[in-house]
Amino acid sequence: MEEDLLSLKGVSKRFPGVLALNNINLDIKPGEIHGLVGENGAGKSTLIKILTGAYSCDEGQMVCQGKHVHFVSTKDAFLMGIAAIYQELSLAPNLSVTENIFLGREMRYKGIGLLNYPQMTRLAREALTELGADIDMGKPVREYSMGQQQVIEIARALIANAKLIIMDEPTSSLSGREVRILLDNIYKLRQKGIAIVYISHRLEEVLEISDRITVMRDGCKIATMDKKETDQEQLIELMVGRTLEEKFPQVTVERGGLALQVTGLNRTGVLKDISFELYQGEVLGIAGLVGAGRTELARAIFGADKIDSGSVAVFGREVKINSPRDAINEGIAFLTEDRKGQGLILMHDIKFNSTLAGLKRFCKFGSFINTKSLCKEVEQLLHDLQVRPANYNIVTRLLSGGNQQKIVIAKWLCLKAKIFIFDEPTRGIDVGAKVEVYNVINRLISEGAAVIVISSELPEVMGISNRIMVMHDGRITAEFNRSEAAPEKILKAATGGINHESKFTPTIAG
């Protein structure tokens, strides 16, 4: 019987008031692709941090390559051959490819201490060639796409002689072609005997690539199964502890008055004569491939980017939006796709982030804050949005991705905005949290708000939108009502009428 590469026995981890991991038993075999799935808050991130030495377990034991280990730092785990590639890559953008691959493990000439660049470059090129990548070793990493940067991260792990590579949401920012390249490289790693822990909310990917799959919920391991013994529906039920009757819950809302009118919006090289209308009580989906101009349109409406020409009217009144503050004053909310970098201040607590945009509502006598009123409203928001844990004094960075997204939404609900622009609202969050976000959107339109949803997941944009607007190369190329929208029509418009590989990736249960 093959010896486990890594095994956990009875591992638990506690934080103040929270049992993050509860008696976890897990084994990883050499050359195995092991899928790890669960809702945000299920304990996956805590488990990764224990495997990589960022956290120490409070109870239980870990055996790695036949040795009992107790990691007290990431260096300890790294020396035992455990590497992690996170959703937000850890490369130094201004350093060259060679420098990144050997960062912290630089090779030097004996006797003189100078860096041996020729040797490092040769070994780095060999690792990248093995992964099928043709990359200039001297260029700064920032000049490469997300997919290429991910290959560079894998090469760094190979150079370090990693035995186990943990990949956390590795395809969330990749194009369809880059996803295929990544999966091919994972198969190559398996052939070399390297084990992979593959964490993703895209269950179709997990089922395609994994040998075995472990499901976590509420800090516990629920099951470990061979992929041939399970399917998406069973995984979803195990993840959330219930069946999901609807992937995209919908409400019937009568369309109201004109909320937003954009006319002839232009920005050189980015947006070309954009005109559309948005009504109260409706969700307008915006579909398109990477680089189509969807996010740039949202930023222009919100005043984050300047426009060259065109006009914006809010509830029938033309307005001048030269900055995000102008947009906020007009009741427009913009939930960016980068919630950590642009939507939240992670070092502050939930209360601070929830009231960040609408703080002046709670001010009296100039700069004095009515703390009692503020706390009462935040408590209600956390209850309505089902934020877990519902303690507004918790630091926001400690929340799961889904709960962080809810805090971004709470920030704009606190502002009493009436026009909401969601850019990739469910990226990187789990199946249950996705449905909760959709329910929030339904509540908004039921209360008379107008909503724009930008999404790269075709099932999502079709499932939650009343109308779908398609963009290609900075232009609107098509518009469909929900009843007439079809995947092939949307994809044709998104590619400018040309058939080629799509960025759209099927999503899971909402």
Protein backbone atom coordinates (compact mmCIF):
# COMPACT_ATOMS: atom_id res chain seq x y z
CA MET A 1 0.00 0.00 0.00
CA GLU A 2 1.40 3.38 -1.04
CA GLU A 3 2.54 5.58 1.84
CA ASP A 4 0.77 8.91 2.21
CA LEU A 5 2.75 12.00 1.26
CA LEU A 6 0.93 13.98 3.92
CA SER A 7 -1.64 13.03 6.54
CA LEU A 8 -3.55 14.94 9.20
CA LYS A 9 -5.04 13.20 12.21
CA GLY A 10 -7.51 14.96 14.51
CA VAL A 11 -6.32 18.46 13.58
CA SER A 12 -8.24 21.33 15.20
CA LYS A 13 -7.72 25.10 15.22
CA ARG A 14 -9.45 27.67 17.41
CA PHE A 15 -9.68 31.43 17.25
CA PRO A 16 -11.43 33.58 19.88
CA GLY A 17 -15.07 32.50 19.77
CA VAL A 18 -14.60 30.34 16.65
CA LEU A 19 -13.71 26.68 16.11
CA ALA A 20 -12.22 27.08 12.63
CA LEU A 21 -11.18 23.41 12.19
CA ASN A 22 -12.73 20.53 14.09
CA ASN A 23 -10.97 17.14 14.23
CA ILE A 24 -9.80 17.04 10.60
CA ASN A 25 -8.51 13.73 9.24
CA LEU A 26 -7.05 13.99 5.76
CA ASP A 27 -4.48 12.17 3.64
CA ILE A 28 -2.76 13.22 0.41
CA LYS A 29 -1.00 10.64 -1.74
CA PRO A 30 2.06 11.20 -3.98
CA GLY A 31 1.09 12.16 -7.54
CA GLU A 32 -2.54 12.68 -6.54
CA ILE A 33 -4.77 15.58 -7.59
CA HIS A 34 -6.94 16.11 -4.52
CA GLY A 35 -9.89 18.47 -4.90
CA LEU A 36 -10.92 20.52 -1.85
CA VAL A 37 -14.34 22.18 -1.91
CA GLY A 38 -16.63 23.93 0.54
CA GLU A 39 -18.45 27.18 1.09
CA ASN A 40 -16.55 30.29 2.16
CA GLY A 41 -16.08 29.93 5.88
CA ALA A 42 -15.96 26.12 5.67
CA GLY A 43 -12.35 26.09 6.92
CA LYS A 44 -10.44 25.64 3.65
CA SER A 45 -8.26 28.73 4.14
CA THR A 46 -7.41 27.78 7.72
CA LEU A 47 -6.50 24.28 6.58
CA ILE A 48 -4.21 25.67 3.86
CA LYS A 49 -2.47 27.90 6.39
CA ILE A 50 -1.80 24.94 8.67
CA LEU A 51 -0.43 22.89 5.76
CA THR A 52 1.87 25.76 4.75
CA GLY A 53 3.01 26.67 8.29
CA ALA A 54 1.24 30.04 8.50
CA TYR A 55 -0.79 28.65 11.43
CA SER A 56 0.01 25.94 13.96
CA CYS A 57 -2.73 23.49 14.89
CA ASP A 58 -4.02 23.47 18.47
CA GLU A 59 -4.72 19.72 18.50
CA GLY A 60 -3.85 16.73 16.37
CA GLN A 61 -0.79 15.70 14.44
CA MET A 62 0.63 16.00 10.94
CA VAL A 63 2.87 13.47 9.21
CA CYS A 64 4.79 14.56 6.08
CA GLN A 65 6.86 12.11 4.05
CA GLY A 66 6.82 9.67 6.96
CA LYS A 67 7.96 12.22 9.56
CA HIS A 68 5.90 13.76 12.35
CA VAL A 69 6.09 17.51 11.80
CA HIS A 70 4.96 20.64 13.60
CA PHE A 71 5.39 23.67 11.37
CA VAL A 72 5.94 26.98 13.14
CA SER A 73 6.64 28.99 9.98
CA THR A 74 6.06 28.86 6.23
CA LYS A 75 9.78 28.18 5.85
CA ASP A 76 9.35 24.91 7.77
CA ALA A 77 6.65 23.75 5.35
CA PHE A 78 8.63 24.93 2.35
CA LEU A 79 11.68 22.93 3.41
CA MET A 80 9.43 19.85 3.57
CA GLY A 81 8.41 20.40 -0.06
CA ILE A 82 5.04 22.12 0.43
CA ALA A 83 4.31 25.12 -1.79
CA ALA A 84 1.16 27.19 -2.32
CA ILE A 85 -0.04 29.22 -5.29
CA TYR A 86 -2.77 31.59 -4.19
CA GLN A 87 -5.54 33.32 -6.12
CA GLU A 88 -3.64 36.58 -5.62
CA LEU A 89 -0.17 35.69 -6.86
CA SER A 90 2.87 36.43 -4.73
CA LEU A 91 5.26 37.48 -7.50
CA ALA A 92 7.32 40.69 -7.38
CA PRO A 93 6.04 42.53 -10.48
CA ASN A 94 9.13 44.67 -11.09
CA LEU A 95 11.62 41.81 -10.88
CA SER A 96 12.53 39.62 -13.85
CA VAL A 97 11.20 36.12 -14.40
CA THR A 98 14.51 34.60 -13.30
CA GLU A 99 14.65 36.75 -10.17
CA ASN A 100 11.09 35.76 -9.22
CA ILE A 101 11.65 32.05 -9.72
CA PHE A 102 14.73 32.12 -7.45
CA LEU A 103 13.48 34.77 -5.02
CA GLY A 104 14.71 33.79 -1.55
CA ARG A 105 16.74 30.89 -3.00
CA GLU A 106 19.28 32.78 -5.09
CA MET A 107 22.32 30.89 -6.39
CA ARG A 108 25.77 32.50 -5.96
CA TYR A 109 29.26 31.99 -7.30
CA LYS A 110 31.38 30.17 -4.76
CA GLY A 111 33.94 32.31 -3.02
CA ILE A 112 32.78 35.73 -4.24
CA GLY A 113 29.10 35.74 -3.27
CA LEU A 114 27.82 37.34 -6.49
CA LEU A 115 24.56 36.07 -7.94
CA ASN A 116 25.03 33.36 -10.56
CA TYR A 117 22.53 34.69 -13.10
CA PRO A 118 23.57 32.37 -15.96
CA GLN A 119 22.99 29.27 -13.81
CA MET A 120 19.67 30.58 -12.44
CA THR A 121 18.46 31.58 -15.89
CA ARG A 122 19.35 28.18 -17.35
CA LEU A 123 17.50 26.26 -14.62
CA ALA A 124 14.50 28.61 -14.73
CA ARG A 125 14.26 28.26 -18.51
CA GLU A 126 14.40 24.46 -18.22
CA ALA A 127 11.54 24.49 -15.70
CA LEU A 128 9.40 26.76 -17.89
CA THR A 129 10.16 24.75 -21.03
CA GLU A 130 9.04 21.63 -19.18
CA LEU A 131 5.73 23.44 -18.59
CA GLY A 132 5.44 24.40 -22.25
CA ALA A 133 6.01 28.12 -21.68
CA ASP A 134 8.01 30.35 -24.02
CA ILE A 135 8.87 33.28 -21.75
CA ASP A 136 11.67 35.86 -21.89
CA MET A 137 13.60 35.31 -18.66
CA GLY A 138 14.83 38.90 -18.41
CA LYS A 139 11.49 40.71 -18.66
CA PRO A 140 9.68 42.03 -15.58
CA VAL A 141 6.87 39.72 -14.50
CA ARG A 142 4.33 42.55 -14.75
CA GLU A 143 4.56 42.36 -18.56
CA TYR A 144 3.02 38.88 -18.60
CA SER A 145 -0.61 37.81 -18.45
CA MET A 146 -2.15 36.26 -15.35
CA GLY A 147 -1.92 32.81 -16.93
CA GLN A 148 1.78 33.23 -17.71
CA GLN A 149 2.45 34.51 -14.21
CA GLN A 150 0.77 31.42 -12.81
CA VAL A 151 3.12 29.22 -14.87
CA ILE A 152 6.04 31.21 -13.42
CA GLU A 153 4.73 30.43 -9.91
CA ILE A 154 4.57 26.72 -10.78
CA ALA A 155 8.13 26.86 -12.13
CA ARG A 156 9.24 28.41 -8.85
CA ALA A 157 7.72 25.46 -6.98
CA LEU A 158 9.45 23.02 -9.34
CA ILE A 159 12.83 24.68 -8.80
CA ALA A 160 12.27 24.33 -5.05
CA ASN A 161 11.67 20.58 -5.52
CA ALA A 162 8.11 20.79 -4.19
CA LYS A 163 6.38 17.49 -3.42
CA LEU A 164 2.96 19.07 -2.77
CA ILE A 165 1.58 22.16 -4.49
CA ILE A 166 -1.60 23.78 -3.16
CA MET A 167 -3.55 25.76 -5.76
CA ASP A 168 -6.19 28.14 -4.40
CA GLU A 169 -8.81 29.24 -6.99
CA PRO A 170 -6.18 29.00 -9.76
CA THR A 171 -8.52 29.69 -12.72
CA SER A 172 -10.59 32.60 -11.36
CA SER A 173 -8.80 35.23 -13.47
CA LEU A 174 -7.80 33.14 -16.49
CA SER A 175 -9.13 33.02 -20.04
CA GLY A 176 -10.51 29.78 -21.44
CA ARG A 177 -7.23 29.03 -23.24
CA GLU A 178 -5.17 29.79 -20.11
CA VAL A 179 -7.38 27.46 -18.05
CA ARG A 180 -6.68 24.64 -20.49
CA ILE A 181 -2.92 25.28 -20.32
CA LEU A 182 -3.02 25.28 -16.52
CA LEU A 183 -4.92 21.99 -16.36
CA ASP A 184 -2.48 20.41 -18.82
CA ASN A 185 0.42 21.52 -16.61
CA ILE A 186 -1.24 20.04 -13.55
CA TYR A 187 -1.38 16.68 -15.34
CA LYS A 188 2.36 17.02 -16.10
CA LEU A 189 3.05 17.65 -12.41
CA ARG A 190 1.09 14.52 -11.48
CA GLN A 191 3.18 12.47 -13.90
CA LYS A 192 6.29 13.68 -12.03
CA GLY A 193 4.81 12.37 -8.77
CA ILE A 194 3.95 15.81 -7.41
CA ALA A 195 0.70 15.95 -5.44
CA ILE A 196 -1.77 18.80 -6.03
CA VAL A 197 -4.43 20.11 -3.66
CA TYR A 198 -6.86 21.86 -6.01
CA ILE A 199 -9.26 24.33 -4.39
CA SER A 200 -11.98 25.85 -6.55
CA HIS A 201 -15.62 26.93 -6.49
CA ARG A 202 -15.90 25.71 -10.10
CA LEU A 203 -17.09 22.21 -9.44
CA GLU A 204 -16.95 21.15 -13.08
CA GLU A 205 -13.19 21.80 -13.02
CA VAL A 206 -12.75 19.94 -9.73
CA LEU A 207 -14.66 16.95 -11.09
CA GLU A 208 -12.67 16.97 -14.32
CA ILE A 209 -9.20 17.15 -12.84
CA SER A 210 -9.32 15.51 -9.39
CA ASP A 211 -8.63 11.94 -8.43
CA ARG A 212 -10.36 12.35 -5.07
CA ILE A 213 -12.44 15.18 -3.62
CA THR A 214 -12.79 16.29 0.00
CA VAL A 215 -15.81 18.35 1.07
CA MET A 216 -15.64 20.68 4.08
CA ARG A 217 -18.44 22.43 5.96
CA ASP A 218 -18.38 24.53 9.14
CA GLY A 219 -14.80 23.57 9.96
CA CYS A 220 -15.41 19.84 9.58
CA LYS A 221 -14.49 17.30 6.93
CA ILE A 222 -17.80 15.99 5.63
CA ALA A 223 -16.53 13.40 3.15
CA THR A 224 -13.68 12.30 0.89
CA MET A 225 -14.77 10.54 -2.30
CA ASP A 226 -13.38 9.23 -5.53
CA LYS A 227 -14.53 11.58 -8.27
CA LYS A 228 -16.21 8.67 -10.07
CA GLU A 229 -18.48 8.20 -7.06
CA THR A 230 -19.95 11.71 -7.01
CA ASP A 231 -21.34 14.54 -9.15
CA GLN A 232 -22.05 18.27 -8.89
CA GLU A 233 -25.44 17.90 -7.25
CA GLN A 234 -24.10 15.68 -4.49
CA LEU A 235 -21.10 17.92 -3.89
CA ILE A 236 -23.37 20.96 -3.60
CA GLU A 237 -25.65 19.20 -1.14
CA LEU A 238 -22.68 18.13 0.99
CA MET A 239 -21.16 21.63 0.86
CA VAL A 240 -24.24 23.54 1.95
CA GLY A 241 -26.01 20.86 3.98
CA ARG A 242 -29.15 21.22 1.93
CA THR A 243 -30.35 20.89 -1.65
CA LEU A 244 -30.47 24.00 -3.83
CA GLU A 245 -33.83 24.05 -5.57
CA GLU A 246 -32.90 27.05 -7.68
CA LYS A 247 -29.53 28.01 -9.07
CA PHE A 248 -30.70 31.53 -9.89
CA PRO A 249 -33.65 32.57 -7.68
CA GLN A 250 -35.84 35.07 -9.49
CA VAL A 251 -38.56 37.49 -8.50
CA THR A 252 -41.25 39.06 -10.66
CA VAL A 253 -40.99 42.83 -10.47
CA GLU A 254 -42.86 45.32 -12.61
CA ARG A 255 -40.42 47.58 -14.43
CA GLY A 256 -40.50 51.12 -13.10
CA GLY A 257 -39.32 54.47 -14.35
CA LEU A 258 -36.10 55.33 -16.15
CA ALA A 259 -33.27 55.34 -13.60
CA LEU A 260 -30.13 55.76 -15.74
CA GLN A 261 -29.65 56.93 -19.31
CA VAL A 262 -26.24 56.84 -20.95
CA THR A 263 -25.91 58.56 -24.32
CA GLY A 264 -22.96 58.60 -26.73
CA LEU A 265 -20.29 57.76 -24.15
CA ASN A 266 -16.79 57.80 -25.64
CA ARG A 267 -13.29 57.33 -24.29
CA THR A 268 -10.46 57.12 -26.79
CA GLY A 269 -9.32 53.56 -27.38
CA VAL A 270 -11.67 52.16 -24.74
CA LEU A 271 -15.37 53.06 -25.18
CA LYS A 272 -17.07 53.82 -28.50
CA ASP A 273 -20.46 55.53 -28.65
CA ILE A 274 -22.09 53.69 -25.75
CA SER A 275 -25.82 54.36 -25.29
CA PHE A 276 -28.30 52.43 -23.15
CA GLU A 277 -31.09 52.81 -20.60
CA LEU A 278 -31.62 51.21 -17.19
CA TYR A 279 -34.97 51.08 -15.40
CA GLN A 280 -36.05 50.70 -11.81
CA GLY A 281 -36.93 47.14 -10.86
CA GLU A 282 -34.71 45.48 -13.46
CA VAL A 283 -31.35 43.77 -13.70
CA LEU A 284 -29.36 44.65 -16.81
CA GLY A 285 -26.61 42.10 -17.44
CA ILE A 286 -23.50 43.10 -19.36
CA ALA A 287 -21.68 40.23 -21.05
CA GLY A 288 -18.47 40.17 -23.05
CA LEU A 289 -15.00 38.71 -23.24
CA VAL A 290 -11.95 39.97 -21.39
CA GLY A 291 -11.01 43.38 -22.80
CA ALA A 292 -14.50 44.13 -24.16
CA GLY A 293 -14.75 47.32 -22.09
CA ARG A 294 -17.32 46.23 -19.50
CA THR A 295 -15.41 47.31 -16.39
CA GLU A 296 -14.22 50.45 -18.17
CA LEU A 297 -17.86 51.37 -18.87
CA ALA A 298 -18.75 50.93 -15.21
CA ARG A 299 -15.78 53.05 -14.12
CA ALA A 300 -16.73 55.79 -16.58
CA ILE A 301 -20.32 55.93 -15.31
CA PHE A 302 -19.06 56.04 -11.73
CA GLY A 303 -16.61 58.86 -12.46
CA ALA A 304 -13.50 56.78 -11.74
CA ASP A 305 -12.31 57.28 -15.37
CA LYS A 306 -12.72 60.43 -17.43
CA ILE A 307 -14.77 60.36 -20.62
CA ASP A 308 -14.13 62.32 -23.80
CA SER A 309 -17.78 62.86 -24.71
CA GLY A 310 -21.30 61.73 -23.94
CA SER A 311 -23.85 62.30 -21.23
CA VAL A 312 -25.36 60.56 -18.21
CA ALA A 313 -28.84 61.23 -16.86
CA VAL A 314 -30.09 59.99 -13.47
CA PHE A 315 -33.86 59.74 -13.04
CA GLY A 316 -34.40 61.99 -16.03
CA ARG A 317 -31.93 64.69 -14.98
CA GLU A 318 -28.61 65.10 -16.81
CA VAL A 319 -25.74 65.08 -14.35
CA LYS A 320 -22.02 65.78 -14.47
CA ILE A 321 -20.08 62.96 -12.89
CA ASN A 322 -16.42 63.88 -12.73
CA SER A 323 -15.48 61.75 -9.72
CA PRO A 324 -16.78 58.85 -7.64
CA ARG A 325 -17.96 61.37 -5.06
CA ASP A 326 -20.25 62.92 -7.69
CA ALA A 327 -21.66 59.47 -8.48
CA ILE A 328 -22.20 58.68 -4.80
CA ASN A 329 -24.05 61.96 -4.36
CA GLU A 330 -26.35 60.93 -7.22
CA GLY A 331 -27.12 57.60 -5.50
CA ILE A 332 -24.94 55.40 -7.73
CA ALA A 333 -23.07 52.49 -6.13
CA PHE A 334 -20.19 50.61 -7.77
CA LEU A 335 -19.17 47.22 -6.37
CA THR A 336 -15.80 46.54 -7.99
CA GLU A 337 -14.52 43.09 -8.90
CA ASP A 338 -11.49 43.71 -6.64
CA ARG A 339 -13.34 43.80 -3.33
CA LYS A 340 -10.13 43.49 -1.27
CA GLY A 341 -8.15 46.19 -3.06
CA GLN A 342 -10.90 48.67 -3.94
CA GLY A 343 -14.05 47.73 -2.03
CA LEU A 344 -12.87 47.31 1.55
CA ILE A 345 -10.25 48.46 4.02
CA LEU A 346 -9.40 45.04 5.37
CA MET A 347 -7.53 46.15 8.48
CA HIS A 348 -10.68 47.87 9.79
CA ASP A 349 -13.71 46.23 11.34
CA ILE A 350 -17.08 45.43 9.78
CA LYS A 351 -18.73 48.48 11.32
CA PHE A 352 -16.18 50.84 9.76
CA ASN A 353 -16.43 49.25 6.31
CA SER A 354 -20.23 49.02 6.34
CA THR A 355 -20.61 52.76 6.94
CA LEU A 356 -17.65 53.96 4.89
CA ALA A 357 -19.69 55.47 2.05
CA GLY A 358 -22.67 56.71 4.07
CA LEU A 359 -21.00 57.88 7.28
CA LYS A 360 -22.30 61.44 7.04
CA ARG A 361 -25.86 60.10 7.47
CA PHE A 362 -24.96 59.42 11.10
CA CYS A 363 -23.26 62.74 11.79
CA LYS A 364 -24.97 65.34 13.95
CA PHE A 365 -23.81 68.78 14.97
CA GLY A 366 -21.19 68.74 12.26
CA SER A 367 -18.60 66.03 12.94
CA PHE A 368 -20.15 64.15 15.88
CA ILE A 369 -21.25 60.61 15.02
CA ASN A 370 -24.47 59.15 16.42
CA THR A 371 -22.85 55.86 17.40
CA LYS A 372 -26.06 54.31 18.72
CA SER A 373 -27.93 54.90 15.46
CA LEU A 374 -24.93 53.72 13.40
CA CYS A 375 -24.53 50.46 15.34
CA LYS A 376 -28.26 49.75 15.14
CA GLU A 377 -28.26 50.10 11.35
CA VAL A 378 -25.13 47.96 10.94
CA GLU A 379 -26.69 45.23 13.09
CA GLN A 380 -29.76 45.27 10.86
CA LEU A 381 -27.64 45.11 7.70
CA LEU A 382 -25.68 42.13 9.01
CA HIS A 383 -28.95 40.39 9.87
CA ASP A 384 -30.55 41.14 6.48
CA LEU A 385 -27.47 40.01 4.56
CA GLN A 386 -26.89 36.96 6.79
CA VAL A 387 -23.27 37.89 7.47
CA ARG A 388 -21.50 35.24 9.55
CA PRO A 389 -20.36 35.91 12.20
CA ALA A 390 -22.75 38.84 12.77
CA ASN A 391 -20.33 40.75 15.00
CA TYR A 392 -19.57 44.21 13.63
CA ASN A 393 -16.36 44.51 15.69
CA ILE A 394 -14.59 41.71 13.78
CA VAL A 395 -11.74 42.80 11.51
CA THR A 396 -12.93 42.48 7.91
CA ARG A 397 -9.87 40.59 6.65
CA LEU A 398 -10.83 37.66 8.88
CA LEU A 399 -14.11 37.10 7.00
CA SER A 400 -14.57 34.61 4.19
CA GLY A 401 -14.74 35.91 0.61
CA GLY A 402 -18.53 35.61 0.49
CA ASN A 403 -18.99 37.53 3.73
CA GLN A 404 -16.54 40.20 2.59
CA GLN A 405 -18.67 40.64 -0.53
CA LYS A 406 -21.73 41.11 1.67
CA ILE A 407 -19.94 43.86 3.60
CA VAL A 408 -19.24 45.66 0.31
CA ILE A 409 -22.97 45.43 -0.43
CA ALA A 410 -23.78 46.64 3.10
CA LYS A 411 -21.62 49.71 2.50
CA TRP A 412 -23.79 50.80 -0.42
CA LEU A 413 -27.08 49.81 1.25
CA CYS A 414 -26.07 52.05 4.12
CA LEU A 415 -25.66 54.88 1.60
CA LYS A 416 -29.26 54.32 0.43
CA ALA A 417 -28.11 54.09 -3.20
CA LYS A 418 -30.74 53.55 -5.91
CA ILE A 419 -28.53 52.49 -8.83
CA PHE A 420 -26.17 49.56 -8.27
CA ILE A 421 -23.36 48.41 -10.58
CA PHE A 422 -22.03 44.95 -9.66
CA ASP A 423 -18.77 43.96 -11.38
CA GLU A 424 -18.20 40.19 -11.12
CA PRO A 425 -20.27 40.02 -7.89
CA THR A 426 -19.73 36.29 -7.25
CA ARG A 427 -16.12 35.83 -8.31
CA GLY A 428 -14.26 33.69 -5.81
CA ILE A 429 -17.23 32.98 -3.54
CA ASP A 430 -18.93 29.68 -2.87
CA VAL A 431 -22.17 28.24 -4.17
CA GLY A 432 -24.25 29.11 -1.11
CA ALA A 433 -22.93 32.68 -0.92
CA LYS A 434 -23.68 33.14 -4.63
CA VAL A 435 -27.36 32.39 -4.08
CA GLU A 436 -27.38 34.82 -1.15
CA VAL A 437 -25.89 37.55 -3.36
CA TYR A 438 -28.58 36.86 -5.99
CA ASN A 439 -31.22 37.14 -3.29
CA VAL A 440 -29.80 40.53 -2.27
CA ILE A 441 -30.02 41.69 -5.90
CA ASN A 442 -33.62 40.47 -6.03
CA ARG A 443 -34.40 42.40 -2.87
CA LEU A 444 -32.87 45.55 -4.33
CA ILE A 445 -34.99 45.48 -7.49
CA SER A 446 -38.08 44.58 -5.44
CA GLU A 447 -37.50 47.79 -3.49
CA GLY A 448 -37.26 49.86 -6.66
CA ALA A 449 -33.51 49.94 -7.24
CA ALA A 450 -31.95 49.55 -10.69
CA VAL A 451 -29.10 47.06 -11.05
CA ILE A 452 -26.34 46.43 -13.59
CA VAL A 453 -24.47 43.12 -13.31
CA ILE A 454 -21.21 42.56 -15.19
CA SER A 455 -20.25 38.89 -15.30
CA SER A 456 -17.86 36.66 -17.23
CA GLU A 457 -19.93 33.58 -16.36
CA LEU A 458 -22.53 33.11 -19.08
CA PRO A 459 -24.99 31.01 -17.00
CA GLU A 460 -24.92 33.70 -14.32
CA VAL A 461 -25.58 36.65 -16.60
CA MET A 462 -28.39 34.73 -18.29
CA GLY A 463 -29.84 33.48 -15.02
CA ILE A 464 -30.24 36.75 -13.13
CA SER A 465 -30.78 39.40 -15.84
CA ASN A 466 -34.01 40.81 -17.27
CA ARG A 467 -32.05 42.15 -20.24
CA ILE A 468 -28.56 41.34 -21.48
CA MET A 469 -26.31 43.84 -23.23
CA VAL A 470 -23.26 42.41 -25.00
CA MET A 471 -20.00 44.31 -25.55
CA HIS A 472 -17.09 43.71 -27.89
CA ASP A 473 -14.07 45.95 -28.45
CA GLY A 474 -15.58 48.85 -26.51
CA ARG A 475 -18.92 48.79 -28.34
CA ILE A 476 -22.39 47.44 -27.65
CA THR A 477 -22.90 44.70 -30.21
CA ALA A 478 -26.25 43.23 -29.13
CA GLU A 479 -29.08 43.40 -26.62
CA PHE A 480 -31.46 40.58 -25.66
CA ASN A 481 -34.47 40.18 -23.43
CA ARG A 482 -34.34 37.23 -21.05
CA SER A 483 -36.77 35.24 -23.20
CA GLU A 484 -34.73 35.61 -26.40
CA ALA A 485 -31.22 35.26 -24.96
CA ALA A 486 -29.34 32.13 -25.98
CA PRO A 487 -25.69 31.17 -25.32
CA GLU A 488 -24.77 30.99 -29.00
CA LYS A 489 -26.29 34.43 -29.71
CA ILE A 490 -24.46 36.04 -26.79
CA LEU A 491 -21.14 34.43 -27.64
CA LYS A 492 -21.41 35.43 -31.29
CA ALA A 493 -22.03 39.06 -30.30
CA ALA A 494 -19.25 38.90 -27.69
CA THR A 495 -16.72 37.79 -30.31
CA GLY A 496 -17.78 40.32 -32.90
CA GLY A 497 -19.44 37.58 -34.93
CA ILE A 498 -16.23 35.51 -35.06
CA ASN A 499 -16.06 31.99 -33.63
CA HIS A 500 -13.16 31.59 -31.22
CA GLU A 501 -12.59 30.35 -27.68
CA SER A 502 -14.64 32.10 -25.03
CA LYS A 503 -13.63 33.41 -21.63
CA PHE A 504 -17.02 32.28 -20.32
CA THR A 505 -16.76 29.30 -18.03
CA PRO A 506 -19.82 27.37 -16.78
CA THR A 507 -20.53 28.12 -13.17
CA ILE A 508 -21.99 26.02 -10.35
CA ALA A 509 -25.40 26.21 -8.77
CA GLY A 510 -25.70 29.97 -8.78
